[in-house]
Amino acid sequence: MTRANAAKSKAARLAAQRHTPVVDPEASQEPAAPVAARPPAVERKAVRVTVDLAPALYQDFEDWRRDAARELGRTRVKSVDVIRILLRELMASDADGAERSAAVMAALRREGST
């Protein structure tokens, strides 16, 4: 099996797992049927997200967590707990959530994030 055939075979297997049709442009000139929109996410397995931070930003975050733990009377505040709360706050559908979202969008425009 050539590399190209192996790649096509793997692509077909992966596509079948996602329940989306694979269209080989060489095999058919007919337009592909539209794919239905993805249904809302069903809670399954947690998704891991990894973030690389600049050392100074990480140190500021560590200092903040240490201060927060002291203020809350805890031994520590976990990074994951802070990030989950920040994401829920950002995704909130109230006026505060919309304001936070607008602030993040403005920061993304300023920083030119990729």
C-alpha atoms as a PDB file:
ATOM      1  CA  MET A   1       0.000   0.000   0.000  1.00  0.00           C
ATOM      2  CA  THR A   2       1.440   3.373  -0.971  1.00  0.00           C
ATOM      3  CA  ARG A   3       1.572   6.279   1.427  1.00  0.00           C
ATOM      4  CA  ALA A   4      -1.131   8.087  -0.531  1.00  0.00           C
ATOM      5  CA  ASN A   5      -3.455   5.073  -0.333  1.00  0.00           C
ATOM      6  CA  ALA A   6      -2.705   4.636   3.364  1.00  0.00           C
ATOM      7  CA  ALA A   7      -3.498   8.308   3.969  1.00  0.00           C
ATOM      8  CA  LYS A   8      -6.786   8.050   2.040  1.00  0.00           C
ATOM      9  CA  SER A   9      -7.719   4.928   3.969  1.00  0.00           C
ATOM     10  CA  LYS A  10      -6.978   6.579   7.310  1.00  0.00           C
ATOM     11  CA  ALA A  11      -8.937   9.696   6.306  1.00  0.00           C
ATOM     12  CA  ALA A  12     -11.925   7.530   5.379  1.00  0.00           C
ATOM     13  CA  ARG A  13     -11.796   5.681   8.715  1.00  0.00           C
ATOM     14  CA  LEU A  14     -11.589   8.926  10.678  1.00  0.00           C
ATOM     15  CA  ALA A  15     -14.420  10.461   8.685  1.00  0.00           C
ATOM     16  CA  ALA A  16     -16.608   7.409   9.311  1.00  0.00           C
ATOM     17  CA  GLN A  17     -15.976   7.786  13.031  1.00  0.00           C
ATOM     18  CA  ARG A  18     -17.204  11.382  12.855  1.00  0.00           C
ATOM     19  CA  HIS A  19     -20.261  10.303  10.858  1.00  0.00           C
ATOM     20  CA  THR A  20     -19.455  12.672   8.025  1.00  0.00           C
ATOM     21  CA  PRO A  21     -19.319  11.528   4.416  1.00  0.00           C
ATOM     22  CA  VAL A  22     -15.972  11.394   2.637  1.00  0.00           C
ATOM     23  CA  VAL A  23     -16.055  12.743  -0.891  1.00  0.00           C
ATOM     24  CA  ASP A  24     -13.298  11.778  -3.295  1.00  0.00           C
ATOM     25  CA  PRO A  25     -13.221  14.650  -5.816  1.00  0.00           C
ATOM     26  CA  GLU A  26     -11.662  12.365  -8.448  1.00  0.00           C
ATOM     27  CA  ALA A  27     -14.397   9.733  -8.115  1.00  0.00           C
ATOM     28  CA  SER A  28     -17.414  11.985  -8.529  1.00  0.00           C
ATOM     29  CA  GLN A  29     -18.113  15.384  -9.967  1.00  0.00           C
ATOM     30  CA  GLU A  30     -21.549  15.549  -8.322  1.00  0.00           C
ATOM     31  CA  PRO A  31     -21.919  18.110  -5.530  1.00  0.00           C
ATOM     32  CA  ALA A  32     -21.769  16.582  -2.067  1.00  0.00           C
ATOM     33  CA  ALA A  33     -24.917  16.581   0.038  1.00  0.00           C
ATOM     34  CA  PRO A  34     -24.815  19.258   2.722  1.00  0.00           C
ATOM     35  CA  VAL A  35     -23.663  18.013   6.104  1.00  0.00           C
ATOM     36  CA  ALA A  36     -26.110  18.654   8.938  1.00  0.00           C
ATOM     37  CA  ALA A  37     -25.033  21.144  11.567  1.00  0.00           C
ATOM     38  CA  ARG A  38     -23.306  19.611  14.564  1.00  0.00           C
ATOM     39  CA  PRO A  39     -25.770  18.990  17.397  1.00  0.00           C
ATOM     40  CA  PRO A  40     -25.187  20.714  20.740  1.00  0.00           C
ATOM     41  CA  ALA A  41     -22.359  19.209  22.748  1.00  0.00           C
ATOM     42  CA  VAL A  42     -23.399  16.298  24.905  1.00  0.00           C
ATOM     43  CA  GLU A  43     -21.477  16.037  28.120  1.00  0.00           C
ATOM     44  CA  ARG A  44     -19.156  13.084  27.755  1.00  0.00           C
ATOM     45  CA  LYS A  45     -15.514  13.048  28.656  1.00  0.00           C
ATOM     46  CA  ALA A  46     -13.671  16.134  29.846  1.00  0.00           C
ATOM     47  CA  VAL A  47     -11.544  17.882  27.224  1.00  0.00           C
ATOM     48  CA  ARG A  48      -7.979  18.789  28.143  1.00  0.00           C
ATOM     49  CA  VAL A  49      -6.701  22.243  27.205  1.00  0.00           C
ATOM     50  CA  THR A  50      -3.029  23.134  27.478  1.00  0.00           C
ATOM     51  CA  VAL A  51      -1.823  26.725  27.643  1.00  0.00           C
ATOM     52  CA  ASP A  52       1.713  28.069  27.343  1.00  0.00           C
ATOM     53  CA  LEU A  53       2.227  31.189  29.433  1.00  0.00           C
ATOM     54  CA  ALA A  54       5.039  33.701  29.481  1.00  0.00           C
ATOM     55  CA  PRO A  55       7.082  33.288  32.682  1.00  0.00           C
ATOM     56  CA  ALA A  56       6.084  36.735  33.984  1.00  0.00           C
ATOM     57  CA  LEU A  57       2.377  36.074  33.383  1.00  0.00           C
ATOM     58  CA  TYR A  58       2.646  32.680  35.071  1.00  0.00           C
ATOM     59  CA  GLN A  59       4.353  34.246  38.094  1.00  0.00           C
ATOM     60  CA  ASP A  60       1.627  36.906  38.317  1.00  0.00           C
ATOM     61  CA  PHE A  61      -0.992  34.138  38.176  1.00  0.00           C
ATOM     62  CA  GLU A  62       0.824  32.166  40.906  1.00  0.00           C
ATOM     63  CA  ASP A  63       0.978  35.294  43.090  1.00  0.00           C
ATOM     64  CA  TRP A  64      -2.731  35.952  42.512  1.00  0.00           C
ATOM     65  CA  ARG A  65      -3.648  32.361  43.421  1.00  0.00           C
ATOM     66  CA  ARG A  66      -1.532  32.540  46.587  1.00  0.00           C
ATOM     67  CA  ASP A  67      -3.237  35.823  47.606  1.00  0.00           C
ATOM     68  CA  ALA A  68      -6.669  34.383  46.777  1.00  0.00           C
ATOM     69  CA  ALA A  69      -5.990  31.286  48.887  1.00  0.00           C
ATOM     70  CA  ARG A  70      -4.930  33.469  51.814  1.00  0.00           C
ATOM     71  CA  GLU A  71      -8.060  35.646  51.474  1.00  0.00           C
ATOM     72  CA  LEU A  72     -10.327  32.569  51.232  1.00  0.00           C
ATOM     73  CA  GLY A  73      -8.639  30.868  54.189  1.00  0.00           C
ATOM     74  CA  ARG A  74      -7.480  27.942  52.057  1.00  0.00           C
ATOM     75  CA  THR A  75      -4.103  26.295  51.700  1.00  0.00           C
ATOM     76  CA  ARG A  76      -4.236  26.766  47.932  1.00  0.00           C
ATOM     77  CA  VAL A  77      -6.409  27.703  44.955  1.00  0.00           C
ATOM     78  CA  LYS A  78      -5.934  25.385  41.970  1.00  0.00           C
ATOM     79  CA  SER A  79      -5.248  26.848  38.533  1.00  0.00           C
ATOM     80  CA  VAL A  80      -7.887  24.606  36.979  1.00  0.00           C
ATOM     81  CA  ASP A  81     -10.570  25.945  39.334  1.00  0.00           C
ATOM     82  CA  VAL A  82      -9.738  29.548  38.463  1.00  0.00           C
ATOM     83  CA  ILE A  83      -9.697  28.834  34.718  1.00  0.00           C
ATOM     84  CA  ARG A  84     -13.013  26.943  34.837  1.00  0.00           C
ATOM     85  CA  ILE A  85     -14.653  29.820  36.713  1.00  0.00           C
ATOM     86  CA  LEU A  86     -13.223  32.380  34.289  1.00  0.00           C
ATOM     87  CA  LEU A  87     -14.559  30.409  31.319  1.00  0.00           C
ATOM     88  CA  ARG A  88     -18.026  30.088  32.883  1.00  0.00           C
ATOM     89  CA  GLU A  89     -18.021  33.821  33.608  1.00  0.00           C
ATOM     90  CA  LEU A  90     -16.967  34.564  30.026  1.00  0.00           C
ATOM     91  CA  MET A  91     -19.689  32.307  28.620  1.00  0.00           C
ATOM     92  CA  ALA A  92     -22.431  33.771  30.843  1.00  0.00           C
ATOM     93  CA  SER A  93     -25.446  34.919  28.850  1.00  0.00           C
ATOM     94  CA  ASP A  94     -26.198  37.923  31.063  1.00  0.00           C
ATOM     95  CA  ALA A  95     -25.105  41.526  30.511  1.00  0.00           C
ATOM     96  CA  ASP A  96     -21.908  40.983  32.507  1.00  0.00           C
ATOM     97  CA  GLY A  97     -21.005  38.020  30.306  1.00  0.00           C
ATOM     98  CA  ALA A  98     -21.565  40.102  27.181  1.00  0.00           C
ATOM     99  CA  GLU A  99     -19.383  42.858  28.622  1.00  0.00           C
ATOM    100  CA  ARG A 100     -16.615  40.374  29.482  1.00  0.00           C
ATOM    101  CA  SER A 101     -16.853  38.869  26.017  1.00  0.00           C
ATOM    102  CA  ALA A 102     -16.541  42.294  24.413  1.00  0.00           C
ATOM    103  CA  ALA A 103     -13.490  43.056  26.587  1.00  0.00           C
ATOM    104  CA  VAL A 104     -11.817  39.786  25.554  1.00  0.00           C
ATOM    105  CA  MET A 105     -12.572  40.446  21.876  1.00  0.00           C
ATOM    106  CA  ALA A 106     -11.052  43.925  22.179  1.00  0.00           C
ATOM    107  CA  ALA A 107      -7.932  42.472  23.834  1.00  0.00           C
ATOM    108  CA  LEU A 108      -7.631  39.850  21.066  1.00  0.00           C
ATOM    109  CA  ARG A 109      -7.786  42.618  18.464  1.00  0.00           C
ATOM    110  CA  ARG A 110      -5.137  44.655  20.298  1.00  0.00           C
ATOM    111  CA  GLU A 111      -2.789  41.720  20.837  1.00  0.00           C
ATOM    112  CA  GLY A 112      -3.285  40.214  17.397  1.00  0.00           C
ATOM    113  CA  SER A 113      -3.541  36.695  18.873  1.00  0.00           C
ATOM    114  CA  THR A 114      -3.388  33.803  16.489  1.00  0.00           C
END
